[in-house]
Amino acid sequence: MKGARVREYFRPIAMTERVPGALPLAGGGQWFAQVEVLTRQGGRVVAVSELPGEVRDRLSGPRGDFGGLGMDRVRLMGILNVTPDSFSDGGLFLRPEAAVMQARVMSGAAEIIDVGGESTRPGAVEVSVADEVARTVPVIAALREGGLEGPISIDTRKAAVAEAALAAGASWVNDVTALRFDPAMAGVVARSGAPVVLMHSVADPQTMQDDPRYDDVLLDVYDALAERVAVAEAAGIAREKIAIDPGIGFGKTLAHNLTLLRGLTLFHDLGLPVLLGASRKRFIGTIGAEAEAAKRVPGSLAVALWGAAQGAQMIRVHDVAETRQALRLWQAAQTGDNP
């Protein structure tokens, strides 16, 4: 009896310039001419011409619009934490008027505003639904009443919070547990028709950094996200309404984070938009020798540019104006044009 077929994973090797035979990476501005074919036993590098047609199409095909935004170029998601205890800016925007002012400032450089009322930093305790709604819904409503037309994302793992935020004018749901925390979340998202970002995480914020372990972090995270996408589709969420996030820093060591960043293009094999959120995180401070989160802007910019070079369609950041400027210069150097 023949053995079971070995599962293969396909990681395109991103390039900034087109060479003969190269294909566009996920329909964006990057290219790939070779692919690392990975298995649980090892890997090999092949030319794109050696791939099955459906794999080439999945890796190179353009991603459809997501939440009204084209995915043919990098989009910035600005972080708006209306919390007292977020790791980087806790308390700064807890008052609704401060939060609204910050959102308006960010909207000049960010296409998406991501509003969160519960810190999910390592060690954070759970916030009640009532408190989370009280923190986020007035801000979202005020932004809509003030004329903000772009996408507003509600960063929550709770169905009741998502439902209230969507009713107030939020247009996306960003769930750090990929619909895992609250069994009702998938139904809320499906009924609303809102796009959803499914992020990989393990356990909960209080325990996720307690010695996280993986057999192969890159392939394990990929498999976990593929499973959560299947759960979302089974719940009635259309595939074109789903984006994925590998969850840098959520139940990962420094080495895990670096492995995921190096292998980021693997997640294009799911055929969905990829969001990268690494702004100001601890591993940046460790490598960059900066203990204060607010001073990790240079390191955050470096990671954001790496993500853009790997074809990530969305990048979630605190420092939107600085990241936008860096992206403009990176794109100008790459294309020779003023973007």
Protein backbone atom coordinates (compact mmCIF):
# COMPACT_ATOMS: atom_id res chain seq x y z
CA MET A 1 0.00 0.00 0.00
CA LYS A 2 1.36 3.38 -0.98
CA GLY A 3 2.05 5.92 1.76
CA ALA A 4 0.01 9.05 2.17
CA ARG A 5 1.00 11.93 -0.06
CA VAL A 6 3.30 14.43 1.66
CA ARG A 7 1.65 17.83 2.14
CA GLU A 8 3.42 20.58 0.19
CA TYR A 9 3.41 24.30 0.93
CA PHE A 10 4.47 26.97 -1.56
CA ARG A 11 6.46 30.03 -0.53
CA PRO A 12 7.21 32.43 -3.42
CA ILE A 13 10.62 34.10 -3.14
CA ALA A 14 9.84 37.80 -3.51
CA MET A 15 11.84 40.16 -5.72
CA THR A 16 11.52 43.90 -6.30
CA GLU A 17 12.43 43.69 -9.99
CA ARG A 18 10.99 41.65 -12.82
CA VAL A 19 13.23 39.10 -14.50
CA PRO A 20 12.39 36.83 -17.46
CA GLY A 21 9.74 34.32 -16.44
CA ALA A 22 8.81 36.15 -13.23
CA LEU A 23 5.19 36.47 -12.15
CA PRO A 24 3.55 39.23 -10.11
CA LEU A 25 3.27 38.36 -6.43
CA ALA A 26 -0.43 38.28 -5.50
CA GLY A 27 -1.15 40.72 -8.31
CA GLY A 28 0.88 43.48 -6.65
CA GLY A 29 4.10 45.30 -7.40
CA GLN A 30 6.51 42.56 -6.33
CA TRP A 31 7.63 39.59 -8.40
CA PHE A 32 8.76 36.00 -8.01
CA ALA A 33 10.55 33.63 -10.36
CA GLN A 34 11.24 30.87 -7.84
CA VAL A 35 9.22 29.16 -5.14
CA GLU A 36 10.36 27.30 -2.07
CA VAL A 37 8.33 24.10 -1.89
CA LEU A 38 8.13 23.16 1.80
CA THR A 39 7.10 19.97 3.56
CA ARG A 40 7.32 18.89 7.19
CA GLN A 41 10.45 16.99 6.19
CA GLY A 42 12.30 19.76 4.34
CA GLY A 43 12.14 21.86 1.22
CA ARG A 44 13.46 22.60 -2.24
CA VAL A 45 13.48 25.60 -4.58
CA VAL A 46 11.85 25.32 -8.01
CA ALA A 47 11.22 27.69 -10.91
CA VAL A 48 7.67 28.99 -11.33
CA SER A 49 7.47 27.04 -14.60
CA GLU A 50 7.65 23.81 -12.59
CA LEU A 51 4.58 24.59 -10.49
CA PRO A 52 1.09 23.24 -11.15
CA GLY A 53 -1.04 25.81 -12.91
CA GLU A 54 -3.46 26.23 -10.02
CA VAL A 55 -0.57 27.00 -7.65
CA ARG A 56 0.87 29.61 -10.02
CA ASP A 57 -2.54 31.21 -10.34
CA ARG A 58 -3.08 31.26 -6.58
CA LEU A 59 0.30 32.83 -5.86
CA SER A 60 0.27 35.36 -8.68
CA GLY A 61 -3.40 36.20 -9.20
CA PRO A 62 -4.64 39.64 -8.14
CA ARG A 63 -6.55 39.79 -4.88
CA GLY A 64 -10.02 41.25 -5.10
CA ASP A 65 -11.03 44.44 -3.36
CA PHE A 66 -11.26 44.04 0.40
CA GLY A 67 -13.75 46.20 2.21
CA GLY A 68 -13.82 48.68 -0.65
CA LEU A 69 -10.03 48.95 -0.97
CA GLY A 70 -7.99 47.63 -3.87
CA MET A 71 -5.34 45.14 -2.79
CA ASP A 72 -2.94 45.94 -5.65
CA ARG A 73 -0.82 48.16 -3.38
CA VAL A 74 0.05 48.48 0.30
CA ARG A 75 -2.70 49.87 2.53
CA LEU A 76 -2.04 51.26 6.00
CA MET A 77 -4.21 50.45 8.99
CA GLY A 78 -3.81 53.03 11.75
CA ILE A 79 -4.00 51.74 15.32
CA LEU A 80 -6.37 53.63 17.64
CA ASN A 81 -6.26 52.13 21.13
CA VAL A 82 -8.99 53.54 23.38
CA THR A 83 -7.61 51.65 26.36
CA PRO A 84 -5.84 52.56 29.60
CA ASP A 85 -3.27 49.76 29.37
CA SER A 86 -2.13 49.05 25.79
CA PHE A 87 1.59 48.32 25.71
CA SER A 88 2.59 51.39 23.68
CA ASP A 89 -0.02 54.12 23.94
CA GLY A 90 -2.36 53.03 26.72
CA GLY A 91 -4.34 55.94 28.13
CA LEU A 92 -3.36 58.49 25.49
CA PHE A 93 -6.65 58.24 23.60
CA LEU A 94 -9.01 56.92 26.25
CA ARG A 95 -11.12 60.11 26.20
CA PRO A 96 -13.46 60.04 23.16
CA GLU A 97 -12.48 63.53 22.03
CA ALA A 98 -8.78 62.61 22.10
CA ALA A 99 -9.49 59.42 20.19
CA VAL A 100 -11.52 61.24 17.54
CA MET A 101 -8.79 63.84 17.07
CA GLN A 102 -6.13 61.12 16.72
CA ALA A 103 -8.25 59.23 14.18
CA ARG A 104 -8.67 62.35 12.07
CA VAL A 105 -4.92 62.95 12.14
CA MET A 106 -4.21 59.35 11.14
CA SER A 107 -6.78 59.37 8.34
CA GLY A 108 -4.51 61.67 6.34
CA ALA A 109 -2.06 58.79 5.86
CA ALA A 110 -3.96 55.62 6.75
CA GLU A 111 -6.74 54.09 4.67
CA ILE A 112 -8.18 52.12 7.62
CA ILE A 113 -8.67 53.17 11.25
CA ASP A 114 -8.59 50.21 13.65
CA VAL A 115 -10.40 51.01 16.91
CA GLY A 116 -9.77 48.74 19.89
CA GLY A 117 -11.12 48.93 23.44
CA GLU A 118 -9.34 45.96 25.01
CA SER A 119 -5.60 45.54 25.29
CA THR A 120 -4.36 42.17 24.04
CA ARG A 121 -0.74 42.74 25.07
CA PRO A 122 0.93 39.83 26.87
CA GLY A 123 -0.49 39.55 30.39
CA ALA A 124 -3.53 41.74 29.75
CA VAL A 125 -6.75 40.86 31.58
CA GLU A 126 -10.11 40.55 29.87
CA VAL A 127 -12.33 43.64 29.65
CA SER A 128 -16.10 43.38 30.06
CA VAL A 129 -18.33 43.75 27.01
CA ALA A 130 -19.96 46.83 28.56
CA ASP A 131 -16.62 48.58 29.10
CA GLU A 132 -15.36 47.68 25.65
CA VAL A 133 -18.55 48.98 24.01
CA ALA A 134 -18.44 52.17 26.08
CA ARG A 135 -14.87 52.83 24.96
CA THR A 136 -15.25 52.11 21.25
CA VAL A 137 -18.81 52.79 20.06
CA PRO A 138 -18.94 56.54 20.89
CA VAL A 139 -15.65 57.05 19.04
CA ILE A 140 -16.84 55.18 15.95
CA ALA A 141 -20.16 57.03 15.94
CA ALA A 142 -18.42 60.39 16.33
CA LEU A 143 -16.06 59.62 13.45
CA ARG A 144 -18.96 58.79 11.16
CA GLU A 145 -20.92 61.84 12.30
CA GLY A 146 -17.82 63.94 11.63
CA GLY A 147 -17.68 62.79 8.02
CA LEU A 148 -15.01 60.06 8.05
CA GLU A 149 -15.93 57.87 5.09
CA GLY A 150 -13.11 55.35 4.93
CA PRO A 151 -13.10 51.91 6.52
CA ILE A 152 -13.23 51.75 10.31
CA SER A 153 -12.23 48.41 11.77
CA ILE A 154 -13.35 47.22 15.20
CA ASP A 155 -10.51 45.35 16.90
CA THR A 156 -12.35 42.91 19.16
CA ARG A 157 -12.73 39.21 19.94
CA LYS A 158 -16.28 39.59 21.31
CA ALA A 159 -19.43 39.23 19.20
CA ALA A 160 -21.51 41.73 21.19
CA VAL A 161 -18.82 44.39 20.82
CA ALA A 162 -18.50 43.75 17.10
CA GLU A 163 -22.27 43.94 16.66
CA ALA A 164 -22.52 47.26 18.52
CA ALA A 165 -19.54 48.71 16.65
CA LEU A 166 -20.92 47.68 13.25
CA ALA A 167 -24.25 49.27 14.14
CA ALA A 168 -22.40 52.48 15.04
CA GLY A 169 -20.63 52.64 11.69
CA ALA A 170 -17.66 50.28 11.80
CA SER A 171 -17.16 48.49 8.50
CA TRP A 172 -14.66 45.71 9.29
CA VAL A 173 -14.01 43.27 12.12
CA ASN A 174 -10.45 42.53 13.21
CA ASP A 175 -10.45 39.47 15.49
CA VAL A 176 -7.11 38.58 17.09
CA THR A 177 -8.41 35.09 17.81
CA ALA A 178 -9.72 34.38 14.28
CA LEU A 179 -13.28 33.76 15.57
CA ARG A 180 -11.94 31.35 18.20
CA PHE A 181 -12.71 33.25 21.43
CA ASP A 182 -16.44 33.88 21.04
CA PRO A 183 -18.58 31.19 19.35
CA ALA A 184 -21.11 33.87 18.35
CA MET A 185 -18.59 36.01 16.46
CA ALA A 186 -18.73 34.09 13.17
CA GLY A 187 -22.50 34.48 13.02
CA VAL A 188 -22.34 38.21 13.69
CA VAL A 189 -19.79 38.72 10.93
CA ALA A 190 -21.67 36.50 8.49
CA ARG A 191 -25.00 38.25 9.06
CA SER A 192 -23.46 41.70 8.76
CA GLY A 193 -21.62 40.95 5.53
CA ALA A 194 -18.61 42.82 6.94
CA PRO A 195 -15.07 41.88 5.96
CA VAL A 196 -13.07 40.17 8.70
CA VAL A 197 -9.36 39.88 9.45
CA LEU A 198 -8.51 36.51 10.98
CA MET A 199 -5.35 36.69 13.09
CA HIS A 200 -3.42 33.75 14.44
CA SER A 201 -2.96 33.57 18.19
CA VAL A 202 -2.80 30.92 20.89
CA ALA A 203 -4.35 30.71 24.35
CA ASP A 204 -5.27 34.19 25.60
CA PRO A 205 -3.32 37.40 26.33
CA GLN A 206 -2.72 36.42 29.97
CA THR A 207 -0.95 33.16 29.07
CA MET A 208 0.02 33.32 25.39
CA GLN A 209 3.68 34.12 26.10
CA ASP A 210 4.11 31.31 28.64
CA ASP A 211 6.66 29.25 26.72
CA PRO A 212 4.88 29.02 23.31
CA ARG A 213 6.02 26.02 21.28
CA TYR A 214 5.49 24.83 17.69
CA ASP A 215 6.66 21.86 15.65
CA ASP A 216 7.32 24.26 12.75
CA VAL A 217 6.05 27.75 13.48
CA LEU A 218 5.69 28.81 9.84
CA LEU A 219 3.76 25.74 8.74
CA ASP A 220 1.81 25.46 12.00
CA VAL A 221 0.57 29.06 11.74
CA TYR A 222 -0.31 28.53 8.07
CA ASP A 223 -2.30 25.39 8.89
CA ALA A 224 -4.07 27.09 11.78
CA LEU A 225 -5.10 30.03 9.59
CA ALA A 226 -6.26 27.70 6.82
CA GLU A 227 -8.44 25.91 9.39
CA ARG A 228 -9.92 29.20 10.68
CA VAL A 229 -10.66 30.34 7.13
CA ALA A 230 -12.54 27.08 6.60
CA VAL A 231 -14.49 27.68 9.83
CA ALA A 232 -15.38 31.19 8.68
CA GLU A 233 -16.58 29.97 5.29
CA ALA A 234 -18.64 27.20 6.89
CA ALA A 235 -20.32 29.87 9.03
CA GLY A 236 -21.40 31.75 5.90
CA ILE A 237 -18.62 34.32 5.56
CA ALA A 238 -17.71 34.71 1.90
CA ARG A 239 -14.07 33.99 1.10
CA GLU A 240 -13.66 37.39 -0.57
CA LYS A 241 -14.55 38.96 2.80
CA ILE A 242 -11.61 37.31 4.60
CA ALA A 243 -8.05 38.52 5.17
CA ILE A 244 -5.39 36.83 7.28
CA ASP A 245 -2.74 37.95 9.76
CA PRO A 246 0.04 35.63 11.06
CA GLY A 247 -0.15 37.29 14.47
CA ILE A 248 3.39 38.51 15.09
CA GLY A 249 4.01 38.60 18.85
CA PHE A 250 0.88 36.69 19.82
CA GLY A 251 2.09 33.47 21.40
CA LYS A 252 5.46 33.67 19.65
CA THR A 253 9.05 34.04 20.79
CA LEU A 254 11.52 36.38 19.11
CA ALA A 255 12.78 33.45 17.02
CA HIS A 256 9.21 32.56 16.01
CA ASN A 257 8.53 36.15 14.95
CA LEU A 258 11.64 36.27 12.78
CA THR A 259 10.80 32.94 11.14
CA LEU A 260 7.31 34.20 10.29
CA LEU A 261 8.67 37.45 8.88
CA ARG A 262 11.24 35.66 6.75
CA GLY A 263 8.61 33.23 5.47
CA LEU A 264 5.80 35.79 5.16
CA THR A 265 5.18 35.11 1.47
CA LEU A 266 4.01 31.59 2.35
CA PHE A 267 0.68 33.09 3.45
CA HIS A 268 -0.02 34.23 -0.12
CA ASP A 269 -0.57 30.54 -0.81
CA LEU A 270 -3.96 30.92 0.90
CA GLY A 271 -5.00 33.26 -1.91
CA LEU A 272 -6.21 35.95 0.51
CA PRO A 273 -5.05 39.46 1.44
CA VAL A 274 -2.31 39.41 4.10
CA LEU A 275 -2.14 41.90 6.95
CA LEU A 276 1.08 42.38 8.91
CA GLY A 277 0.94 43.89 12.39
CA ALA A 278 4.30 44.22 14.14
CA SER A 279 4.40 47.91 15.05
CA ARG A 280 6.46 48.75 18.17
CA LYS A 281 6.36 45.15 19.44
CA ARG A 282 8.73 43.73 22.00
CA PHE A 283 10.96 41.85 19.56
CA ILE A 284 11.66 45.16 17.78
CA GLY A 285 12.79 46.63 21.08
CA THR A 286 14.92 43.59 21.85
CA ILE A 287 16.73 43.57 18.52
CA GLY A 288 16.86 47.36 18.27
CA ALA A 289 17.95 47.81 21.90
CA GLU A 290 15.04 50.10 22.77
CA ALA A 291 13.05 49.39 25.91
CA GLU A 292 10.49 52.18 25.41
CA ALA A 293 7.79 51.14 22.95
CA ALA A 294 7.10 54.65 21.66
CA LYS A 295 10.75 54.97 20.59
CA ARG A 296 10.66 51.88 18.36
CA VAL A 297 9.56 53.81 15.27
CA PRO A 298 12.75 53.15 13.23
CA GLY A 299 12.56 49.42 13.87
CA SER A 300 8.84 49.41 13.12
CA LEU A 301 9.50 51.14 9.81
CA ALA A 302 12.11 48.54 8.91
CA VAL A 303 9.64 45.73 9.54
CA ALA A 304 6.87 47.54 7.64
CA LEU A 305 9.11 47.93 4.59
CA TRP A 306 10.09 44.27 4.82
CA GLY A 307 6.40 43.39 4.85
CA ALA A 308 5.75 45.55 1.80
CA ALA A 309 8.65 43.87 -0.02
CA GLN A 310 7.06 40.49 0.77
CA GLY A 311 3.79 41.58 -0.82
CA ALA A 312 1.72 42.19 2.32
CA GLN A 313 -1.38 44.09 1.21
CA MET A 314 -2.06 45.75 4.58
CA ILE A 315 0.25 46.89 7.35
CA ARG A 316 -1.08 47.81 10.80
CA VAL A 317 0.93 50.59 12.46
CA HIS A 318 0.92 53.19 15.21
CA ASP A 319 3.05 55.70 13.29
CA VAL A 320 1.05 56.16 10.12
CA ALA A 321 2.58 59.40 8.78
CA GLU A 322 6.13 58.09 9.23
CA THR A 323 5.24 54.75 7.65
CA ARG A 324 3.51 56.43 4.71
CA GLN A 325 6.59 58.58 4.07
CA ALA A 326 8.86 55.53 4.23
CA LEU A 327 6.62 53.61 1.83
CA ARG A 328 6.55 56.48 -0.66
CA LEU A 329 10.34 56.62 -0.76
CA TRP A 330 10.62 52.84 -0.97
CA GLN A 331 8.14 52.74 -3.86
CA ALA A 332 9.83 55.66 -5.64
CA ALA A 333 13.24 53.97 -5.41
CA GLN A 334 11.76 50.73 -6.68
CA THR A 335 9.87 52.17 -9.66
CA GLY A 336 11.78 55.35 -10.45
CA ASP A 337 8.52 57.30 -10.26
CA ASN A 338 7.05 59.72 -7.77
CA PRO A 339 4.08 57.75 -6.34
